[in-house]
């Protein structure tokens, strides 16, 4: 049921004027804009912030039955967790080693960011790429839901 654009009173779909305040109502009430499945899948791989979209996709009702979108959400989440492991676990370990100018954790982190961008490109062209370990975990997680 739509509401008046002026006072917030409930109006019928066919009402041209509000019964309470008399304000003219828009000719057509449009539904709120929502992500398409393709857009939601691509946004799950955005480096550093894709995990927020992935959690929203997994928690929301809209894509609860869409296994492909849920697969991409889980795989994007697992890719971000791999990045966190490199930054929070391997980074401090390599920082303790003396004399390393080209630390391997930096290269791994950069590789994971590039992998996230690659996954965005592949998903935007509607190709489903399953990463070796993360893809298998994502498939199992999407199947359980």
C-alpha atoms as a PDB file:
ATOM      1  CA  UNK A   1       0.000   0.000   0.000  1.00  0.00           C
ATOM      2  CA  UNK A   2       1.583   3.360  -1.004  1.00  0.00           C
ATOM      3  CA  UNK A   3       1.806   6.418   1.197  1.00  0.00           C
ATOM      4  CA  UNK A   4       1.227  10.110   0.520  1.00  0.00           C
ATOM      5  CA  UNK A   5       4.329  11.921  -0.675  1.00  0.00           C
ATOM      6  CA  UNK A   6       3.376  14.972   1.436  1.00  0.00           C
ATOM      7  CA  UNK A   7       2.031  13.773   4.799  1.00  0.00           C
ATOM      8  CA  UNK A   8       2.708  10.013   4.846  1.00  0.00           C
ATOM      9  CA  UNK A   9      -0.961   9.011   5.073  1.00  0.00           C
ATOM     10  CA  UNK A  10      -1.865   5.685   3.449  1.00  0.00           C
ATOM     11  CA  UNK A  11      -3.404   6.122  -0.011  1.00  0.00           C
ATOM     12  CA  UNK A  12      -4.688   3.625  -2.557  1.00  0.00           C
ATOM     13  CA  UNK A  13      -2.742   2.875  -5.741  1.00  0.00           C
ATOM     14  CA  UNK A  14      -5.437   4.621  -7.799  1.00  0.00           C
ATOM     15  CA  UNK A  15      -5.739   7.792  -5.657  1.00  0.00           C
ATOM     16  CA  UNK A  16      -4.611  10.956  -7.431  1.00  0.00           C
ATOM     17  CA  UNK A  17      -4.936  13.111  -4.301  1.00  0.00           C
ATOM     18  CA  UNK A  18      -4.401  12.426  -0.602  1.00  0.00           C
ATOM     19  CA  UNK A  19      -7.638  12.311   1.418  1.00  0.00           C
ATOM     20  CA  UNK A  20      -5.968  13.913   4.446  1.00  0.00           C
ATOM     21  CA  UNK A  21      -3.894  16.800   3.035  1.00  0.00           C
ATOM     22  CA  UNK A  22      -5.090  16.993  -0.612  1.00  0.00           C
ATOM     23  CA  UNK A  23      -1.563  16.757  -2.083  1.00  0.00           C
ATOM     24  CA  UNK A  24      -1.277  15.485  -5.643  1.00  0.00           C
ATOM     25  CA  UNK A  25       0.174  11.965  -5.798  1.00  0.00           C
ATOM     26  CA  UNK A  26       2.679  10.763  -8.408  1.00  0.00           C
ATOM     27  CA  UNK A  27       1.093   9.038 -11.404  1.00  0.00           C
ATOM     28  CA  UNK A  28       3.032   5.834 -10.840  1.00  0.00           C
ATOM     29  CA  UNK A  29       4.557   4.521  -7.633  1.00  0.00           C
ATOM     30  CA  UNK A  30       7.798   2.782  -8.554  1.00  0.00           C
ATOM     31  CA  UNK A  31       9.174  -0.105  -6.521  1.00  0.00           C
ATOM     32  CA  UNK A  32      12.535   0.466  -4.822  1.00  0.00           C
ATOM     33  CA  UNK A  33      15.585  -0.181  -6.967  1.00  0.00           C
ATOM     34  CA  UNK A  34      17.257  -3.509  -6.232  1.00  0.00           C
ATOM     35  CA  UNK A  35      20.420  -5.154  -7.487  1.00  0.00           C
ATOM     36  CA  UNK A  36      20.205  -7.613 -10.325  1.00  0.00           C
ATOM     37  CA  UNK A  37      21.725 -11.034  -9.602  1.00  0.00           C
ATOM     38  CA  UNK A  38      24.674 -10.216 -11.874  1.00  0.00           C
ATOM     39  CA  UNK A  39      25.385  -6.909 -10.126  1.00  0.00           C
ATOM     40  CA  UNK A  40      25.135  -8.510  -6.687  1.00  0.00           C
ATOM     41  CA  UNK A  41      27.552 -11.253  -7.766  1.00  0.00           C
ATOM     42  CA  UNK A  42      30.087  -8.761  -9.130  1.00  0.00           C
ATOM     43  CA  UNK A  43      29.940  -6.546  -6.033  1.00  0.00           C
ATOM     44  CA  UNK A  44      30.815  -9.516  -3.796  1.00  0.00           C
ATOM     45  CA  UNK A  45      34.368  -9.444  -5.228  1.00  0.00           C
ATOM     46  CA  UNK A  46      35.135  -5.724  -4.822  1.00  0.00           C
ATOM     47  CA  UNK A  47      38.474  -5.590  -2.969  1.00  0.00           C
ATOM     48  CA  UNK A  48      38.290  -4.546   0.693  1.00  0.00           C
ATOM     49  CA  UNK A  49      34.499  -3.859   0.772  1.00  0.00           C
ATOM     50  CA  UNK A  50      32.958  -6.782  -1.128  1.00  0.00           C
ATOM     51  CA  UNK A  51      32.511  -8.691   2.106  1.00  0.00           C
ATOM     52  CA  UNK A  52      29.813  -6.216   3.154  1.00  0.00           C
ATOM     53  CA  UNK A  53      27.797  -6.916  -0.001  1.00  0.00           C
ATOM     54  CA  UNK A  54      28.412 -10.663   0.387  1.00  0.00           C
ATOM     55  CA  UNK A  55      26.999 -10.643   3.914  1.00  0.00           C
ATOM     56  CA  UNK A  56      24.007  -8.573   2.763  1.00  0.00           C
ATOM     57  CA  UNK A  57      23.355 -11.029  -0.076  1.00  0.00           C
ATOM     58  CA  UNK A  58      23.597 -14.032   2.225  1.00  0.00           C
ATOM     59  CA  UNK A  59      21.448 -12.452   4.950  1.00  0.00           C
ATOM     60  CA  UNK A  60      18.801 -11.016   2.652  1.00  0.00           C
ATOM     61  CA  UNK A  61      15.686 -12.708   1.384  1.00  0.00           C
ATOM     62  CA  UNK A  62      16.048 -11.630  -2.267  1.00  0.00           C
ATOM     63  CA  UNK A  63      18.772 -14.109  -3.258  1.00  0.00           C
ATOM     64  CA  UNK A  64      17.947 -16.884  -0.798  1.00  0.00           C
ATOM     65  CA  UNK A  65      17.049 -19.308  -3.629  1.00  0.00           C
ATOM     66  CA  UNK A  66      19.628 -18.130  -6.191  1.00  0.00           C
ATOM     67  CA  UNK A  67      22.454 -20.627  -5.851  1.00  0.00           C
ATOM     68  CA  UNK A  68      24.833 -18.868  -8.266  1.00  0.00           C
ATOM     69  CA  UNK A  69      24.638 -15.523  -6.459  1.00  0.00           C
ATOM     70  CA  UNK A  70      25.089 -17.274  -3.122  1.00  0.00           C
ATOM     71  CA  UNK A  71      28.104 -19.137  -4.548  1.00  0.00           C
ATOM     72  CA  UNK A  72      29.708 -15.832  -5.556  1.00  0.00           C
ATOM     73  CA  UNK A  73      28.886 -14.314  -2.158  1.00  0.00           C
ATOM     74  CA  UNK A  74      30.543 -17.205  -0.308  1.00  0.00           C
ATOM     75  CA  UNK A  75      33.543 -17.260  -2.637  1.00  0.00           C
ATOM     76  CA  UNK A  76      33.979 -13.482  -2.265  1.00  0.00           C
ATOM     77  CA  UNK A  77      33.808 -13.839   1.512  1.00  0.00           C
ATOM     78  CA  UNK A  78      36.381 -16.635   1.513  1.00  0.00           C
ATOM     79  CA  UNK A  79      38.656 -14.587  -0.741  1.00  0.00           C
ATOM     80  CA  UNK A  80      38.472 -11.731   1.758  1.00  0.00           C
ATOM     81  CA  UNK A  81      39.221 -14.128   4.635  1.00  0.00           C
ATOM     82  CA  UNK A  82      42.299 -15.336   2.716  1.00  0.00           C
ATOM     83  CA  UNK A  83      43.389 -11.706   2.388  1.00  0.00           C
ATOM     84  CA  UNK A  84      42.919 -11.179   6.144  1.00  0.00           C
ATOM     85  CA  UNK A  85      44.982 -14.290   6.904  1.00  0.00           C
ATOM     86  CA  UNK A  86      47.807 -12.960   4.750  1.00  0.00           C
ATOM     87  CA  UNK A  87      47.635  -9.511   6.365  1.00  0.00           C
ATOM     88  CA  UNK A  88      47.087 -10.497   9.996  1.00  0.00           C
ATOM     89  CA  UNK A  89      48.953 -13.809  10.250  1.00  0.00           C
ATOM     90  CA  UNK A  90      51.660 -13.933   7.598  1.00  0.00           C
ATOM     91  CA  UNK A  91      52.415 -10.196   7.686  1.00  0.00           C
ATOM     92  CA  UNK A  92      53.589 -10.114  11.314  1.00  0.00           C
ATOM     93  CA  UNK A  93      55.596 -13.310  10.785  1.00  0.00           C
ATOM     94  CA  UNK A  94      57.501 -11.868   7.829  1.00  0.00           C
ATOM     95  CA  UNK A  95      58.019  -8.541   9.600  1.00  0.00           C
ATOM     96  CA  UNK A  96      59.936 -10.341  12.347  1.00  0.00           C
ATOM     97  CA  UNK A  97      62.461 -11.746   9.859  1.00  0.00           C
ATOM     98  CA  UNK A  98      65.426  -9.411   9.445  1.00  0.00           C
ATOM     99  CA  UNK A  99      66.723  -8.324   6.067  1.00  0.00           C
ATOM    100  CA  UNK A 100      63.621  -8.979   3.941  1.00  0.00           C
ATOM    101  CA  UNK A 101      63.114  -6.085   1.553  1.00  0.00           C
ATOM    102  CA  UNK A 102      60.627  -7.859  -0.733  1.00  0.00           C
ATOM    103  CA  UNK A 103      58.303  -9.493   1.795  1.00  0.00           C
ATOM    104  CA  UNK A 104      56.260 -12.410   0.385  1.00  0.00           C
ATOM    105  CA  UNK A 105      53.144 -11.369   2.314  1.00  0.00           C
ATOM    106  CA  UNK A 106      52.969  -8.132   0.307  1.00  0.00           C
ATOM    107  CA  UNK A 107      53.081 -10.092  -2.943  1.00  0.00           C
ATOM    108  CA  UNK A 108      50.413 -12.518  -1.700  1.00  0.00           C
ATOM    109  CA  UNK A 109      48.141  -9.648  -0.644  1.00  0.00           C
ATOM    110  CA  UNK A 110      48.602  -7.957  -4.020  1.00  0.00           C
ATOM    111  CA  UNK A 111      47.877 -11.253  -5.775  1.00  0.00           C
ATOM    112  CA  UNK A 112      44.631 -11.670  -3.825  1.00  0.00           C
ATOM    113  CA  UNK A 113      43.512  -8.131  -4.713  1.00  0.00           C
ATOM    114  CA  UNK A 114      44.263  -8.807  -8.390  1.00  0.00           C
ATOM    115  CA  UNK A 115      42.418 -12.129  -8.119  1.00  0.00           C
ATOM    116  CA  UNK A 116      39.388 -10.252  -6.749  1.00  0.00           C
ATOM    117  CA  UNK A 117      39.454  -7.886  -9.735  1.00  0.00           C
ATOM    118  CA  UNK A 118      39.799 -10.849 -12.110  1.00  0.00           C
ATOM    119  CA  UNK A 119      36.763 -12.465 -10.484  1.00  0.00           C
ATOM    120  CA  UNK A 120      34.806  -9.212 -10.910  1.00  0.00           C
ATOM    121  CA  UNK A 121      35.589  -9.222 -14.644  1.00  0.00           C
ATOM    122  CA  UNK A 122      34.681 -12.891 -15.092  1.00  0.00           C
ATOM    123  CA  UNK A 123      31.477 -12.556 -13.090  1.00  0.00           C
ATOM    124  CA  UNK A 124      30.471  -9.417 -15.002  1.00  0.00           C
ATOM    125  CA  UNK A 125      30.729 -11.412 -18.232  1.00  0.00           C
ATOM    126  CA  UNK A 126      28.515 -14.081 -16.579  1.00  0.00           C
ATOM    127  CA  UNK A 127      31.264 -16.700 -16.365  1.00  0.00           C
ATOM    128  CA  UNK A 128      31.378 -18.705 -13.159  1.00  0.00           C
ATOM    129  CA  UNK A 129      34.958 -19.412 -12.130  1.00  0.00           C
ATOM    130  CA  UNK A 130      35.506 -21.723  -9.186  1.00  0.00           C
ATOM    131  CA  UNK A 131      38.792 -21.026  -7.418  1.00  0.00           C
ATOM    132  CA  UNK A 132      40.741 -24.158  -6.367  1.00  0.00           C
ATOM    133  CA  UNK A 133      40.132 -24.337  -2.610  1.00  0.00           C
ATOM    134  CA  UNK A 134      37.826 -21.386  -2.033  1.00  0.00           C
ATOM    135  CA  UNK A 135      35.459 -22.425  -4.827  1.00  0.00           C
ATOM    136  CA  UNK A 136      34.975 -25.882  -3.357  1.00  0.00           C
ATOM    137  CA  UNK A 137      34.186 -24.376   0.048  1.00  0.00           C
ATOM    138  CA  UNK A 138      31.797 -21.895  -1.570  1.00  0.00           C
ATOM    139  CA  UNK A 139      29.996 -24.661  -3.488  1.00  0.00           C
ATOM    140  CA  UNK A 140      29.507 -26.654  -0.305  1.00  0.00           C
ATOM    141  CA  UNK A 141      28.343 -23.596   1.615  1.00  0.00           C
ATOM    142  CA  UNK A 142      25.876 -22.565  -1.111  1.00  0.00           C
ATOM    143  CA  UNK A 143      24.511 -26.122  -1.296  1.00  0.00           C
ATOM    144  CA  UNK A 144      23.901 -26.283   2.464  1.00  0.00           C
ATOM    145  CA  UNK A 145      21.879 -23.078   2.557  1.00  0.00           C
END
